[in-house]
């Protein structure tokens, strides 16, 4: 799929029925889970980050699929609710010195299961979708353990106060995020393009 830049099993099978059936059997195997596939992202990244200053960049992508009101295909709402699909939240490791991509680190693939009526501000952190920013950083800890320095980078959606505090407790060298609101503390740096500032929360010695 990566090499061919295609997810259609029929096209990937190149007209060979046996290959197409093989793909279906692999994906239908109970041992092939989303969790195990995600774990496989980081297997080669562990050694690639050793001794480097790593930028651990995380963000969320919306994968849209064509649906109709009568056939949602088990997909959840994305965007403003006009589309249907899945969400992929991933962290990628980048060499801070060269800018080279070192590999995928951690992440999650999920579907929104309907709308939540409880206001966001009244929900516990574990009940919020924004929890993914913290969970991904925690998953990354073992993968990036051999890196000389790790700087977590994310956009303003990750501006969760608990995330900066959690980064400090994990003794992460720094956590950079675009600020979604004004608050005291941290060192502010203008972000090119406006709309917020990067707030760096350094861990205590």
C-alpha atoms as a PDB file:
ATOM      1  CA  UNK A   1       0.000   0.000   0.000  1.00  0.00           C
ATOM      2  CA  UNK A   2       2.811   2.402   0.853  1.00  0.00           C
ATOM      3  CA  UNK A   3       4.866   1.566  -2.238  1.00  0.00           C
ATOM      4  CA  UNK A   4       1.882   1.698  -4.613  1.00  0.00           C
ATOM      5  CA  UNK A   5       0.134   4.629  -2.872  1.00  0.00           C
ATOM      6  CA  UNK A   6      -3.149   2.757  -3.141  1.00  0.00           C
ATOM      7  CA  UNK A   7      -5.554   1.067  -0.707  1.00  0.00           C
ATOM      8  CA  UNK A   8      -7.750  -0.754  -3.228  1.00  0.00           C
ATOM      9  CA  UNK A   9      -7.060  -4.476  -2.727  1.00  0.00           C
ATOM     10  CA  UNK A  10      -8.191  -5.320  -6.230  1.00  0.00           C
ATOM     11  CA  UNK A  11      -5.661  -2.935  -7.777  1.00  0.00           C
ATOM     12  CA  UNK A  12      -2.953  -4.029  -5.353  1.00  0.00           C
ATOM     13  CA  UNK A  13      -3.551  -7.616  -6.456  1.00  0.00           C
ATOM     14  CA  UNK A  14      -2.698  -6.562 -10.019  1.00  0.00           C
ATOM     15  CA  UNK A  15      -5.448  -8.770 -11.424  1.00  0.00           C
ATOM     16  CA  UNK A  16      -4.229 -11.864  -9.597  1.00  0.00           C
ATOM     17  CA  UNK A  17      -7.136 -13.370  -7.678  1.00  0.00           C
ATOM     18  CA  UNK A  18      -4.887 -15.358  -5.321  1.00  0.00           C
ATOM     19  CA  UNK A  19      -3.087 -12.193  -4.203  1.00  0.00           C
ATOM     20  CA  UNK A  20      -6.360 -10.354  -3.597  1.00  0.00           C
ATOM     21  CA  UNK A  21      -7.717 -13.254  -1.537  1.00  0.00           C
ATOM     22  CA  UNK A  22      -4.463 -13.289   0.432  1.00  0.00           C
ATOM     23  CA  UNK A  23      -4.894  -9.623   1.355  1.00  0.00           C
ATOM     24  CA  UNK A  24      -8.450 -10.267   2.532  1.00  0.00           C
ATOM     25  CA  UNK A  25      -7.351 -13.222   4.668  1.00  0.00           C
ATOM     26  CA  UNK A  26      -4.595 -11.155   6.271  1.00  0.00           C
ATOM     27  CA  UNK A  27      -6.922  -8.305   7.182  1.00  0.00           C
ATOM     28  CA  UNK A  28      -9.598 -10.736   8.425  1.00  0.00           C
ATOM     29  CA  UNK A  29      -7.168 -12.559  10.729  1.00  0.00           C
ATOM     30  CA  UNK A  30      -8.028 -12.040  14.406  1.00  0.00           C
ATOM     31  CA  UNK A  31      -4.324 -11.575  15.160  1.00  0.00           C
ATOM     32  CA  UNK A  32      -4.124  -8.552  12.853  1.00  0.00           C
ATOM     33  CA  UNK A  33      -5.371  -5.704  15.050  1.00  0.00           C
ATOM     34  CA  UNK A  34      -5.147  -1.941  14.816  1.00  0.00           C
ATOM     35  CA  UNK A  35      -3.096  -1.916  18.014  1.00  0.00           C
ATOM     36  CA  UNK A  36      -0.525  -4.373  16.636  1.00  0.00           C
ATOM     37  CA  UNK A  37      -0.286  -2.526  13.324  1.00  0.00           C
ATOM     38  CA  UNK A  38       0.418   0.697  15.216  1.00  0.00           C
ATOM     39  CA  UNK A  39       3.104  -1.028  17.286  1.00  0.00           C
ATOM     40  CA  UNK A  40       4.764  -2.000  14.025  1.00  0.00           C
ATOM     41  CA  UNK A  41       5.129   1.669  13.113  1.00  0.00           C
ATOM     42  CA  UNK A  42       7.885   2.151  15.656  1.00  0.00           C
ATOM     43  CA  UNK A  43       9.945  -1.035  15.337  1.00  0.00           C
ATOM     44  CA  UNK A  44      12.566   0.537  13.056  1.00  0.00           C
ATOM     45  CA  UNK A  45      12.336   3.980  14.657  1.00  0.00           C
ATOM     46  CA  UNK A  46      13.783   2.798  17.986  1.00  0.00           C
ATOM     47  CA  UNK A  47      17.307   2.372  16.592  1.00  0.00           C
ATOM     48  CA  UNK A  48      17.053   5.324  14.187  1.00  0.00           C
ATOM     49  CA  UNK A  49      16.604   7.891  16.993  1.00  0.00           C
ATOM     50  CA  UNK A  50      19.526   6.712  19.135  1.00  0.00           C
ATOM     51  CA  UNK A  51      21.891   9.534  20.103  1.00  0.00           C
ATOM     52  CA  UNK A  52      19.989  12.218  18.168  1.00  0.00           C
ATOM     53  CA  UNK A  53      18.051  15.339  19.045  1.00  0.00           C
ATOM     54  CA  UNK A  54      14.587  14.265  17.935  1.00  0.00           C
ATOM     55  CA  UNK A  55      11.614  16.442  17.077  1.00  0.00           C
ATOM     56  CA  UNK A  56       8.600  14.302  17.980  1.00  0.00           C
ATOM     57  CA  UNK A  57       5.886  15.919  15.861  1.00  0.00           C
ATOM     58  CA  UNK A  58       2.279  14.835  16.304  1.00  0.00           C
ATOM     59  CA  UNK A  59      -0.949  15.795  14.546  1.00  0.00           C
ATOM     60  CA  UNK A  60      -4.330  14.416  13.504  1.00  0.00           C
ATOM     61  CA  UNK A  61      -5.474  13.605   9.963  1.00  0.00           C
ATOM     62  CA  UNK A  62      -9.043  13.038   8.784  1.00  0.00           C
ATOM     63  CA  UNK A  63      -9.484  10.229   6.242  1.00  0.00           C
ATOM     64  CA  UNK A  64     -12.699  10.772   4.296  1.00  0.00           C
ATOM     65  CA  UNK A  65     -14.689   7.991   2.622  1.00  0.00           C
ATOM     66  CA  UNK A  66     -17.643   8.319   0.266  1.00  0.00           C
ATOM     67  CA  UNK A  67     -20.916   7.425   2.000  1.00  0.00           C
ATOM     68  CA  UNK A  68     -24.650   8.032   1.643  1.00  0.00           C
ATOM     69  CA  UNK A  69     -27.235   8.741   4.383  1.00  0.00           C
ATOM     70  CA  UNK A  70     -28.424   5.148   4.057  1.00  0.00           C
ATOM     71  CA  UNK A  71     -24.965   3.589   4.004  1.00  0.00           C
ATOM     72  CA  UNK A  72     -22.515   5.063   6.494  1.00  0.00           C
ATOM     73  CA  UNK A  73     -20.299   1.943   6.432  1.00  0.00           C
ATOM     74  CA  UNK A  74     -19.690   2.141  10.195  1.00  0.00           C
ATOM     75  CA  UNK A  75     -17.796   5.419   9.819  1.00  0.00           C
ATOM     76  CA  UNK A  76     -18.072   8.388  12.161  1.00  0.00           C
ATOM     77  CA  UNK A  77     -18.399  12.105  11.635  1.00  0.00           C
ATOM     78  CA  UNK A  78     -15.347  14.129  10.711  1.00  0.00           C
ATOM     79  CA  UNK A  79     -14.767  17.808  10.180  1.00  0.00           C
ATOM     80  CA  UNK A  80     -17.953  19.765  10.915  1.00  0.00           C
ATOM     81  CA  UNK A  81     -20.069  16.631  10.616  1.00  0.00           C
ATOM     82  CA  UNK A  82     -20.609  16.870   6.879  1.00  0.00           C
ATOM     83  CA  UNK A  83     -18.262  13.998   6.047  1.00  0.00           C
ATOM     84  CA  UNK A  84     -17.711  10.434   7.253  1.00  0.00           C
ATOM     85  CA  UNK A  85     -14.427   8.657   7.849  1.00  0.00           C
ATOM     86  CA  UNK A  86     -11.745   7.739  10.376  1.00  0.00           C
ATOM     87  CA  UNK A  87      -9.179   9.818  12.232  1.00  0.00           C
ATOM     88  CA  UNK A  88      -5.479   9.016  12.426  1.00  0.00           C
ATOM     89  CA  UNK A  89      -3.408  10.648  15.136  1.00  0.00           C
ATOM     90  CA  UNK A  90       0.283   9.979  14.584  1.00  0.00           C
ATOM     91  CA  UNK A  91       3.646  11.083  15.900  1.00  0.00           C
ATOM     92  CA  UNK A  92       6.640  11.155  13.570  1.00  0.00           C
ATOM     93  CA  UNK A  93      10.292  11.467  14.587  1.00  0.00           C
ATOM     94  CA  UNK A  94      12.424  14.023  12.742  1.00  0.00           C
ATOM     95  CA  UNK A  95      16.161  14.640  13.143  1.00  0.00           C
ATOM     96  CA  UNK A  96      16.448  18.184  14.520  1.00  0.00           C
ATOM     97  CA  UNK A  97      19.863  18.668  12.932  1.00  0.00           C
ATOM     98  CA  UNK A  98      19.230  17.411   9.395  1.00  0.00           C
ATOM     99  CA  UNK A  99      15.457  17.576   9.097  1.00  0.00           C
ATOM    100  CA  UNK A 100      15.408  13.961   7.969  1.00  0.00           C
ATOM    101  CA  UNK A 101      12.438  11.747   8.828  1.00  0.00           C
ATOM    102  CA  UNK A 102      13.455   8.951  11.208  1.00  0.00           C
ATOM    103  CA  UNK A 103      10.143   7.095  11.205  1.00  0.00           C
ATOM    104  CA  UNK A 104       6.765   6.817  12.857  1.00  0.00           C
ATOM    105  CA  UNK A 105       6.673   6.698  16.647  1.00  0.00           C
ATOM    106  CA  UNK A 106       3.150   6.132  17.964  1.00  0.00           C
ATOM    107  CA  UNK A 107      -0.470   7.055  17.472  1.00  0.00           C
ATOM    108  CA  UNK A 108      -4.036   5.862  17.175  1.00  0.00           C
ATOM    109  CA  UNK A 109      -6.763   5.206  14.609  1.00  0.00           C
ATOM    110  CA  UNK A 110     -10.302   5.847  15.779  1.00  0.00           C
ATOM    111  CA  UNK A 111     -13.886   6.627  14.796  1.00  0.00           C
ATOM    112  CA  UNK A 112     -16.135   9.173  16.467  1.00  0.00           C
ATOM    113  CA  UNK A 113     -19.105   7.288  17.900  1.00  0.00           C
ATOM    114  CA  UNK A 114     -21.820   9.902  17.708  1.00  0.00           C
ATOM    115  CA  UNK A 115     -22.016  13.334  19.262  1.00  0.00           C
ATOM    116  CA  UNK A 116     -21.398  13.930  22.959  1.00  0.00           C
ATOM    117  CA  UNK A 117     -23.961  16.160  24.663  1.00  0.00           C
ATOM    118  CA  UNK A 118     -21.880  16.952  27.760  1.00  0.00           C
ATOM    119  CA  UNK A 119     -20.058  20.279  27.254  1.00  0.00           C
ATOM    120  CA  UNK A 120     -16.324  19.890  26.634  1.00  0.00           C
ATOM    121  CA  UNK A 121     -15.391  21.959  29.693  1.00  0.00           C
ATOM    122  CA  UNK A 122     -17.435  19.674  31.988  1.00  0.00           C
ATOM    123  CA  UNK A 123     -15.928  16.411  30.777  1.00  0.00           C
ATOM    124  CA  UNK A 124     -13.085  14.615  32.560  1.00  0.00           C
ATOM    125  CA  UNK A 125      -9.812  14.509  30.633  1.00  0.00           C
ATOM    126  CA  UNK A 126     -10.142  10.770  29.960  1.00  0.00           C
ATOM    127  CA  UNK A 127     -13.510  11.449  28.282  1.00  0.00           C
ATOM    128  CA  UNK A 128     -12.148  14.082  25.907  1.00  0.00           C
ATOM    129  CA  UNK A 129     -10.841  13.449  22.407  1.00  0.00           C
ATOM    130  CA  UNK A 130      -7.931  15.767  23.251  1.00  0.00           C
ATOM    131  CA  UNK A 131      -6.634  12.991  25.492  1.00  0.00           C
ATOM    132  CA  UNK A 132      -4.919  11.587  22.363  1.00  0.00           C
ATOM    133  CA  UNK A 133      -2.169  14.206  22.611  1.00  0.00           C
ATOM    134  CA  UNK A 134      -1.136  12.928  26.035  1.00  0.00           C
ATOM    135  CA  UNK A 135      -1.634   9.225  25.249  1.00  0.00           C
ATOM    136  CA  UNK A 136       0.563   9.474  22.148  1.00  0.00           C
ATOM    137  CA  UNK A 137       3.337  11.209  24.077  1.00  0.00           C
ATOM    138  CA  UNK A 138       3.215   8.465  26.723  1.00  0.00           C
ATOM    139  CA  UNK A 139       3.379   5.740  24.027  1.00  0.00           C
ATOM    140  CA  UNK A 140       6.411   7.474  22.551  1.00  0.00           C
ATOM    141  CA  UNK A 141       8.454   7.335  25.746  1.00  0.00           C
ATOM    142  CA  UNK A 142       9.852   3.809  25.225  1.00  0.00           C
ATOM    143  CA  UNK A 143      10.381   4.325  21.489  1.00  0.00           C
ATOM    144  CA  UNK A 144      12.414   7.502  21.998  1.00  0.00           C
ATOM    145  CA  UNK A 145      14.270   6.312  25.100  1.00  0.00           C
ATOM    146  CA  UNK A 146      17.653   6.174  23.328  1.00  0.00           C
ATOM    147  CA  UNK A 147      17.408   9.667  21.829  1.00  0.00           C
ATOM    148  CA  UNK A 148      19.825  12.261  23.219  1.00  0.00           C
ATOM    149  CA  UNK A 149      17.102  14.935  23.389  1.00  0.00           C
ATOM    150  CA  UNK A 150      13.395  14.888  22.605  1.00  0.00           C
ATOM    151  CA  UNK A 151      11.260  17.922  21.795  1.00  0.00           C
ATOM    152  CA  UNK A 152       7.542  17.242  21.377  1.00  0.00           C
ATOM    153  CA  UNK A 153       5.945  19.546  18.788  1.00  0.00           C
ATOM    154  CA  UNK A 154       2.199  19.963  18.206  1.00  0.00           C
ATOM    155  CA  UNK A 155      -0.315  22.564  17.045  1.00  0.00           C
ATOM    156  CA  UNK A 156      -2.706  24.692  19.083  1.00  0.00           C
ATOM    157  CA  UNK A 157      -5.257  21.871  19.454  1.00  0.00           C
ATOM    158  CA  UNK A 158      -2.782  20.172  21.789  1.00  0.00           C
ATOM    159  CA  UNK A 159      -2.845  23.155  24.148  1.00  0.00           C
ATOM    160  CA  UNK A 160      -3.971  21.019  27.062  1.00  0.00           C
ATOM    161  CA  UNK A 161      -2.580  22.210  30.382  1.00  0.00           C
ATOM    162  CA  UNK A 162      -2.402  18.611  31.590  1.00  0.00           C
ATOM    163  CA  UNK A 163      -0.177  17.730  28.633  1.00  0.00           C
ATOM    164  CA  UNK A 164       2.509  20.258  29.580  1.00  0.00           C
ATOM    165  CA  UNK A 165       2.373  19.064  33.169  1.00  0.00           C
ATOM    166  CA  UNK A 166       2.575  15.433  32.064  1.00  0.00           C
ATOM    167  CA  UNK A 167       5.586  16.243  29.872  1.00  0.00           C
ATOM    168  CA  UNK A 168       7.335  17.697  32.899  1.00  0.00           C
ATOM    169  CA  UNK A 169       6.552  14.637  35.016  1.00  0.00           C
ATOM    170  CA  UNK A 170       8.022  12.433  32.276  1.00  0.00           C
ATOM    171  CA  UNK A 171      11.091  14.714  32.292  1.00  0.00           C
ATOM    172  CA  UNK A 172      10.617  15.423  28.612  1.00  0.00           C
ATOM    173  CA  UNK A 173      13.214  18.080  27.693  1.00  0.00           C
ATOM    174  CA  UNK A 174      10.559  20.319  26.126  1.00  0.00           C
ATOM    175  CA  UNK A 175       7.037  20.346  24.793  1.00  0.00           C
ATOM    176  CA  UNK A 176       6.154  22.944  22.164  1.00  0.00           C
ATOM    177  CA  UNK A 177       2.570  23.746  21.251  1.00  0.00           C
ATOM    178  CA  UNK A 178       0.708  26.606  19.649  1.00  0.00           C
ATOM    179  CA  UNK A 179      -1.152  28.412  22.430  1.00  0.00           C
ATOM    180  CA  UNK A 180      -4.938  28.255  22.070  1.00  0.00           C
ATOM    181  CA  UNK A 181      -5.573  30.771  24.871  1.00  0.00           C
ATOM    182  CA  UNK A 182      -3.774  33.367  26.935  1.00  0.00           C
ATOM    183  CA  UNK A 183      -2.199  32.150  30.159  1.00  0.00           C
ATOM    184  CA  UNK A 184       0.710  33.022  32.351  1.00  0.00           C
ATOM    185  CA  UNK A 185       3.866  30.945  32.536  1.00  0.00           C
ATOM    186  CA  UNK A 186       6.222  29.432  30.023  1.00  0.00           C
ATOM    187  CA  UNK A 187       8.293  31.207  27.394  1.00  0.00           C
ATOM    188  CA  UNK A 188       6.335  32.526  24.429  1.00  0.00           C
ATOM    189  CA  UNK A 189       7.648  32.641  20.905  1.00  0.00           C
ATOM    190  CA  UNK A 190       5.732  34.127  17.944  1.00  0.00           C
ATOM    191  CA  UNK A 191       4.507  31.555  15.443  1.00  0.00           C
ATOM    192  CA  UNK A 192       4.904  32.406  11.786  1.00  0.00           C
ATOM    193  CA  UNK A 193       1.502  32.958  10.231  1.00  0.00           C
ATOM    194  CA  UNK A 194      -0.127  34.267  13.425  1.00  0.00           C
ATOM    195  CA  UNK A 195      -3.026  32.787  15.329  1.00  0.00           C
ATOM    196  CA  UNK A 196      -1.156  31.853  18.467  1.00  0.00           C
ATOM    197  CA  UNK A 197       2.220  31.394  20.024  1.00  0.00           C
ATOM    198  CA  UNK A 198       4.441  28.466  20.783  1.00  0.00           C
ATOM    199  CA  UNK A 199       4.669  27.797  24.503  1.00  0.00           C
ATOM    200  CA  UNK A 200       7.629  25.797  25.689  1.00  0.00           C
ATOM    201  CA  UNK A 201       7.241  23.986  28.965  1.00  0.00           C
ATOM    202  CA  UNK A 202      10.613  22.761  30.192  1.00  0.00           C
ATOM    203  CA  UNK A 203      10.846  19.891  32.628  1.00  0.00           C
ATOM    204  CA  UNK A 204      12.371  20.534  36.043  1.00  0.00           C
ATOM    205  CA  UNK A 205      15.975  19.341  36.541  1.00  0.00           C
END
